Amino acid sequence: MAHKKAGGSTRNGRDSQAKRRGVKLFGGQLARPGAIIIRQKGTNFFPGDNCRMGGDFTIFAVKEGKVVFQEKKRTRFDGQVHRDIYVSVANA
Protein backbone atom coordinates (compact mmCIF):
# COMPACT_ATOMS: atom_id res chain seq x y z
CA MET A 1 0.00 0.00 0.00
CA ALA A 2 1.34 3.41 -0.98
CA HIS A 3 1.61 5.94 1.81
CA LYS A 4 2.60 9.59 1.91
CA LYS A 5 3.35 11.35 5.14
CA ALA A 6 1.13 14.38 5.86
CA GLY A 7 2.76 17.62 4.70
CA GLY A 8 1.18 19.94 7.23
CA SER A 9 -0.56 23.22 6.50
CA THR A 10 0.77 26.53 5.24
CA ARG A 11 0.25 30.07 6.46
CA ASN A 12 0.63 31.59 3.00
CA GLY A 13 -1.96 31.71 0.24
CA ARG A 14 -3.55 35.14 0.70
CA ASP A 15 -3.25 38.26 -1.43
CA SER A 16 -5.34 41.38 -1.93
CA GLN A 17 -6.81 42.51 -5.23
CA ALA A 18 -4.71 44.91 -7.31
CA LYS A 19 -6.03 48.48 -6.94
CA ARG A 20 -5.02 49.65 -10.45
CA ARG A 21 -3.54 52.89 -9.22
CA GLY A 22 -1.20 55.09 -11.22
CA VAL A 23 -1.10 57.67 -13.99
CA LYS A 24 -3.84 57.06 -16.55
CA LEU A 25 -3.20 60.06 -18.84
CA PHE A 26 0.37 61.27 -19.39
CA GLY A 27 1.68 64.73 -20.29
CA GLY A 28 0.54 65.95 -23.70
CA GLN A 29 -2.41 63.57 -23.94
CA LEU A 30 -5.92 64.90 -24.48
CA ALA A 31 -8.23 64.86 -21.46
CA ARG A 32 -11.98 65.22 -21.74
CA PRO A 33 -14.20 66.48 -18.91
CA GLY A 34 -14.50 63.81 -16.23
CA ALA A 35 -11.52 61.83 -17.51
CA ILE A 36 -9.43 60.25 -14.76
CA ILE A 37 -5.84 61.45 -14.96
CA ILE A 38 -4.36 59.83 -11.84
CA ARG A 39 -5.53 57.24 -9.33
CA GLN A 40 -3.51 57.46 -6.13
CA LYS A 41 -3.47 56.72 -2.42
CA GLY A 42 -2.85 60.00 -0.63
CA THR A 43 -1.55 63.16 -2.29
CA ASN A 44 1.46 62.18 -4.39
CA PHE A 45 0.12 64.57 -7.05
CA PHE A 46 -1.94 67.72 -6.54
CA PRO A 47 -4.68 69.12 -8.81
CA GLY A 48 -3.81 72.25 -10.77
CA ASP A 49 -5.82 74.26 -13.31
CA ASN A 50 -8.99 72.63 -14.67
CA CYS A 51 -8.54 69.59 -12.40
CA ARG A 52 -10.22 68.45 -9.21
CA MET A 53 -9.50 65.83 -6.58
CA GLY A 54 -12.09 63.21 -5.63
CA GLY A 55 -12.74 61.76 -2.20
CA ASP A 56 -10.36 58.86 -2.88
CA PHE A 57 -7.61 61.30 -4.06
CA THR A 58 -8.35 60.60 -7.74
CA ILE A 59 -7.41 63.56 -9.95
CA PHE A 60 -9.79 64.15 -12.84
CA ALA A 61 -10.25 66.75 -15.58
CA VAL A 62 -12.98 69.40 -15.43
CA LYS A 63 -12.43 70.84 -18.92
CA GLU A 64 -11.10 69.48 -22.19
CA GLY A 65 -7.44 70.04 -22.97
CA LYS A 66 -3.92 68.66 -22.79
CA VAL A 67 -2.51 67.18 -19.59
CA VAL A 68 0.45 69.11 -18.14
CA PHE A 69 2.65 68.05 -15.21
CA GLN A 70 4.64 70.74 -13.41
CA GLU A 71 6.82 70.76 -10.32
CA LYS A 72 6.55 73.58 -7.79
CA LYS A 73 8.71 74.19 -4.74
CA ARG A 74 6.85 74.86 -1.52
CA THR A 75 8.31 75.90 1.83
CA ARG A 76 6.77 74.03 4.73
CA PHE A 77 6.02 75.55 8.13
CA ASP A 78 9.33 74.26 9.51
CA GLY A 79 11.32 75.83 6.68
CA GLN A 80 11.81 72.59 4.76
CA VAL A 81 11.56 73.02 0.98
CA HIS A 82 9.31 70.41 -0.60
CA ARG A 83 8.72 69.71 -4.29
CA ASP A 84 5.09 69.10 -5.22
CA ILE A 85 3.89 67.85 -8.60
CA TYR A 86 0.77 69.58 -9.92
CA VAL A 87 -1.40 68.16 -12.69
CA SER A 88 -3.21 70.66 -14.91
CA VAL A 89 -5.30 70.56 -18.05
CA ALA A 90 -4.28 73.29 -20.51
CA ASN A 91 -6.70 74.52 -23.16
CA ALA A 92 -6.20 72.50 -26.34
C-alpha atoms as a PDB file:
ATOM      1  CA  MET A   1       0.000   0.000   0.000  1.00  0.00           C
ATOM      2  CA  ALA A   2       1.345   3.405  -0.975  1.00  0.00           C
ATOM      3  CA  HIS A   3       1.606   5.938   1.806  1.00  0.00           C
ATOM      4  CA  LYS A   4       2.601   9.589   1.912  1.00  0.00           C
ATOM      5  CA  LYS A   5       3.354  11.354   5.143  1.00  0.00           C
ATOM      6  CA  ALA A   6       1.130  14.381   5.860  1.00  0.00           C
ATOM      7  CA  GLY A   7       2.760  17.620   4.700  1.00  0.00           C
ATOM      8  CA  GLY A   8       1.180  19.939   7.225  1.00  0.00           C
ATOM      9  CA  SER A   9      -0.556  23.222   6.505  1.00  0.00           C
ATOM     10  CA  THR A  10       0.773  26.529   5.242  1.00  0.00           C
ATOM     11  CA  ARG A  11       0.252  30.072   6.463  1.00  0.00           C
ATOM     12  CA  ASN A  12       0.631  31.586   3.001  1.00  0.00           C
ATOM     13  CA  GLY A  13      -1.957  31.712   0.243  1.00  0.00           C
ATOM     14  CA  ARG A  14      -3.554  35.136   0.700  1.00  0.00           C
ATOM     15  CA  ASP A  15      -3.254  38.261  -1.427  1.00  0.00           C
ATOM     16  CA  SER A  16      -5.343  41.377  -1.930  1.00  0.00           C
ATOM     17  CA  GLN A  17      -6.811  42.508  -5.228  1.00  0.00           C
ATOM     18  CA  ALA A  18      -4.715  44.906  -7.314  1.00  0.00           C
ATOM     19  CA  LYS A  19      -6.028  48.480  -6.940  1.00  0.00           C
ATOM     20  CA  ARG A  20      -5.020  49.646 -10.450  1.00  0.00           C
ATOM     21  CA  ARG A  21      -3.537  52.889  -9.219  1.00  0.00           C
ATOM     22  CA  GLY A  22      -1.196  55.093 -11.219  1.00  0.00           C
ATOM     23  CA  VAL A  23      -1.098  57.674 -13.987  1.00  0.00           C
ATOM     24  CA  LYS A  24      -3.840  57.060 -16.548  1.00  0.00           C
ATOM     25  CA  LEU A  25      -3.196  60.057 -18.841  1.00  0.00           C
ATOM     26  CA  PHE A  26       0.367  61.266 -19.389  1.00  0.00           C
ATOM     27  CA  GLY A  27       1.679  64.726 -20.290  1.00  0.00           C
ATOM     28  CA  GLY A  28       0.541  65.947 -23.699  1.00  0.00           C
ATOM     29  CA  GLN A  29      -2.410  63.574 -23.940  1.00  0.00           C
ATOM     30  CA  LEU A  30      -5.922  64.904 -24.476  1.00  0.00           C
ATOM     31  CA  ALA A  31      -8.230  64.856 -21.456  1.00  0.00           C
ATOM     32  CA  ARG A  32     -11.980  65.223 -21.744  1.00  0.00           C
ATOM     33  CA  PRO A  33     -14.201  66.480 -18.908  1.00  0.00           C
ATOM     34  CA  GLY A  34     -14.504  63.813 -16.226  1.00  0.00           C
ATOM     35  CA  ALA A  35     -11.516  61.828 -17.510  1.00  0.00           C
ATOM     36  CA  ILE A  36      -9.431  60.249 -14.756  1.00  0.00           C
ATOM     37  CA  ILE A  37      -5.835  61.447 -14.960  1.00  0.00           C
ATOM     38  CA  ILE A  38      -4.355  59.828 -11.842  1.00  0.00           C
ATOM     39  CA  ARG A  39      -5.534  57.239  -9.328  1.00  0.00           C
ATOM     40  CA  GLN A  40      -3.511  57.461  -6.134  1.00  0.00           C
ATOM     41  CA  LYS A  41      -3.469  56.725  -2.421  1.00  0.00           C
ATOM     42  CA  GLY A  42      -2.846  60.004  -0.629  1.00  0.00           C
ATOM     43  CA  THR A  43      -1.548  63.157  -2.287  1.00  0.00           C
ATOM     44  CA  ASN A  44       1.459  62.184  -4.388  1.00  0.00           C
ATOM     45  CA  PHE A  45       0.123  64.566  -7.047  1.00  0.00           C
ATOM     46  CA  PHE A  46      -1.942  67.718  -6.536  1.00  0.00           C
ATOM     47  CA  PRO A  47      -4.679  69.120  -8.811  1.00  0.00           C
ATOM     48  CA  GLY A  48      -3.811  72.249 -10.769  1.00  0.00           C
ATOM     49  CA  ASP A  49      -5.818  74.260 -13.308  1.00  0.00           C
ATOM     50  CA  ASN A  50      -8.993  72.632 -14.667  1.00  0.00           C
ATOM     51  CA  CYS A  51      -8.542  69.591 -12.398  1.00  0.00           C
ATOM     52  CA  ARG A  52     -10.221  68.454  -9.208  1.00  0.00           C
ATOM     53  CA  MET A  53      -9.499  65.832  -6.575  1.00  0.00           C
ATOM     54  CA  GLY A  54     -12.091  63.211  -5.628  1.00  0.00           C
ATOM     55  CA  GLY A  55     -12.739  61.761  -2.195  1.00  0.00           C
ATOM     56  CA  ASP A  56     -10.358  58.865  -2.877  1.00  0.00           C
ATOM     57  CA  PHE A  57      -7.612  61.304  -4.056  1.00  0.00           C
ATOM     58  CA  THR A  58      -8.349  60.605  -7.741  1.00  0.00           C
ATOM     59  CA  ILE A  59      -7.413  63.563  -9.947  1.00  0.00           C
ATOM     60  CA  PHE A  60      -9.791  64.150 -12.842  1.00  0.00           C
ATOM     61  CA  ALA A  61     -10.252  66.746 -15.584  1.00  0.00           C
ATOM     62  CA  VAL A  62     -12.975  69.397 -15.427  1.00  0.00           C
ATOM     63  CA  LYS A  63     -12.427  70.843 -18.918  1.00  0.00           C
ATOM     64  CA  GLU A  64     -11.101  69.481 -22.186  1.00  0.00           C
ATOM     65  CA  GLY A  65      -7.439  70.038 -22.972  1.00  0.00           C
ATOM     66  CA  LYS A  66      -3.917  68.657 -22.791  1.00  0.00           C
ATOM     67  CA  VAL A  67      -2.507  67.181 -19.595  1.00  0.00           C
ATOM     68  CA  VAL A  68       0.447  69.110 -18.144  1.00  0.00           C
ATOM     69  CA  PHE A  69       2.646  68.052 -15.213  1.00  0.00           C
ATOM     70  CA  GLN A  70       4.643  70.737 -13.411  1.00  0.00           C
ATOM     71  CA  GLU A  71       6.817  70.761 -10.321  1.00  0.00           C
ATOM     72  CA  LYS A  72       6.547  73.580  -7.790  1.00  0.00           C
ATOM     73  CA  LYS A  73       8.709  74.193  -4.743  1.00  0.00           C
ATOM     74  CA  ARG A  74       6.855  74.862  -1.515  1.00  0.00           C
ATOM     75  CA  THR A  75       8.305  75.904   1.828  1.00  0.00           C
ATOM     76  CA  ARG A  76       6.769  74.034   4.730  1.00  0.00           C
ATOM     77  CA  PHE A  77       6.017  75.553   8.131  1.00  0.00           C
ATOM     78  CA  ASP A  78       9.325  74.256   9.508  1.00  0.00           C
ATOM     79  CA  GLY A  79      11.325  75.835   6.675  1.00  0.00           C
ATOM     80  CA  GLN A  80      11.814  72.595   4.762  1.00  0.00           C
ATOM     81  CA  VAL A  81      11.557  73.022   0.979  1.00  0.00           C
ATOM     82  CA  HIS A  82       9.308  70.411  -0.599  1.00  0.00           C
ATOM     83  CA  ARG A  83       8.722  69.709  -4.294  1.00  0.00           C
ATOM     84  CA  ASP A  84       5.088  69.097  -5.222  1.00  0.00           C
ATOM     85  CA  ILE A  85       3.894  67.846  -8.600  1.00  0.00           C
ATOM     86  CA  TYR A  86       0.774  69.578  -9.920  1.00  0.00           C
ATOM     87  CA  VAL A  87      -1.398  68.159 -12.689  1.00  0.00           C
ATOM     88  CA  SER A  88      -3.210  70.656 -14.907  1.00  0.00           C
ATOM     89  CA  VAL A  89      -5.296  70.556 -18.051  1.00  0.00           C
ATOM     90  CA  ALA A  90      -4.284  73.285 -20.508  1.00  0.00           C
ATOM     91  CA  ASN A  91      -6.700  74.522 -23.160  1.00  0.00           C
ATOM     92  CA  ALA A  92      -6.204  72.504 -26.341  1.00  0.00           C
END
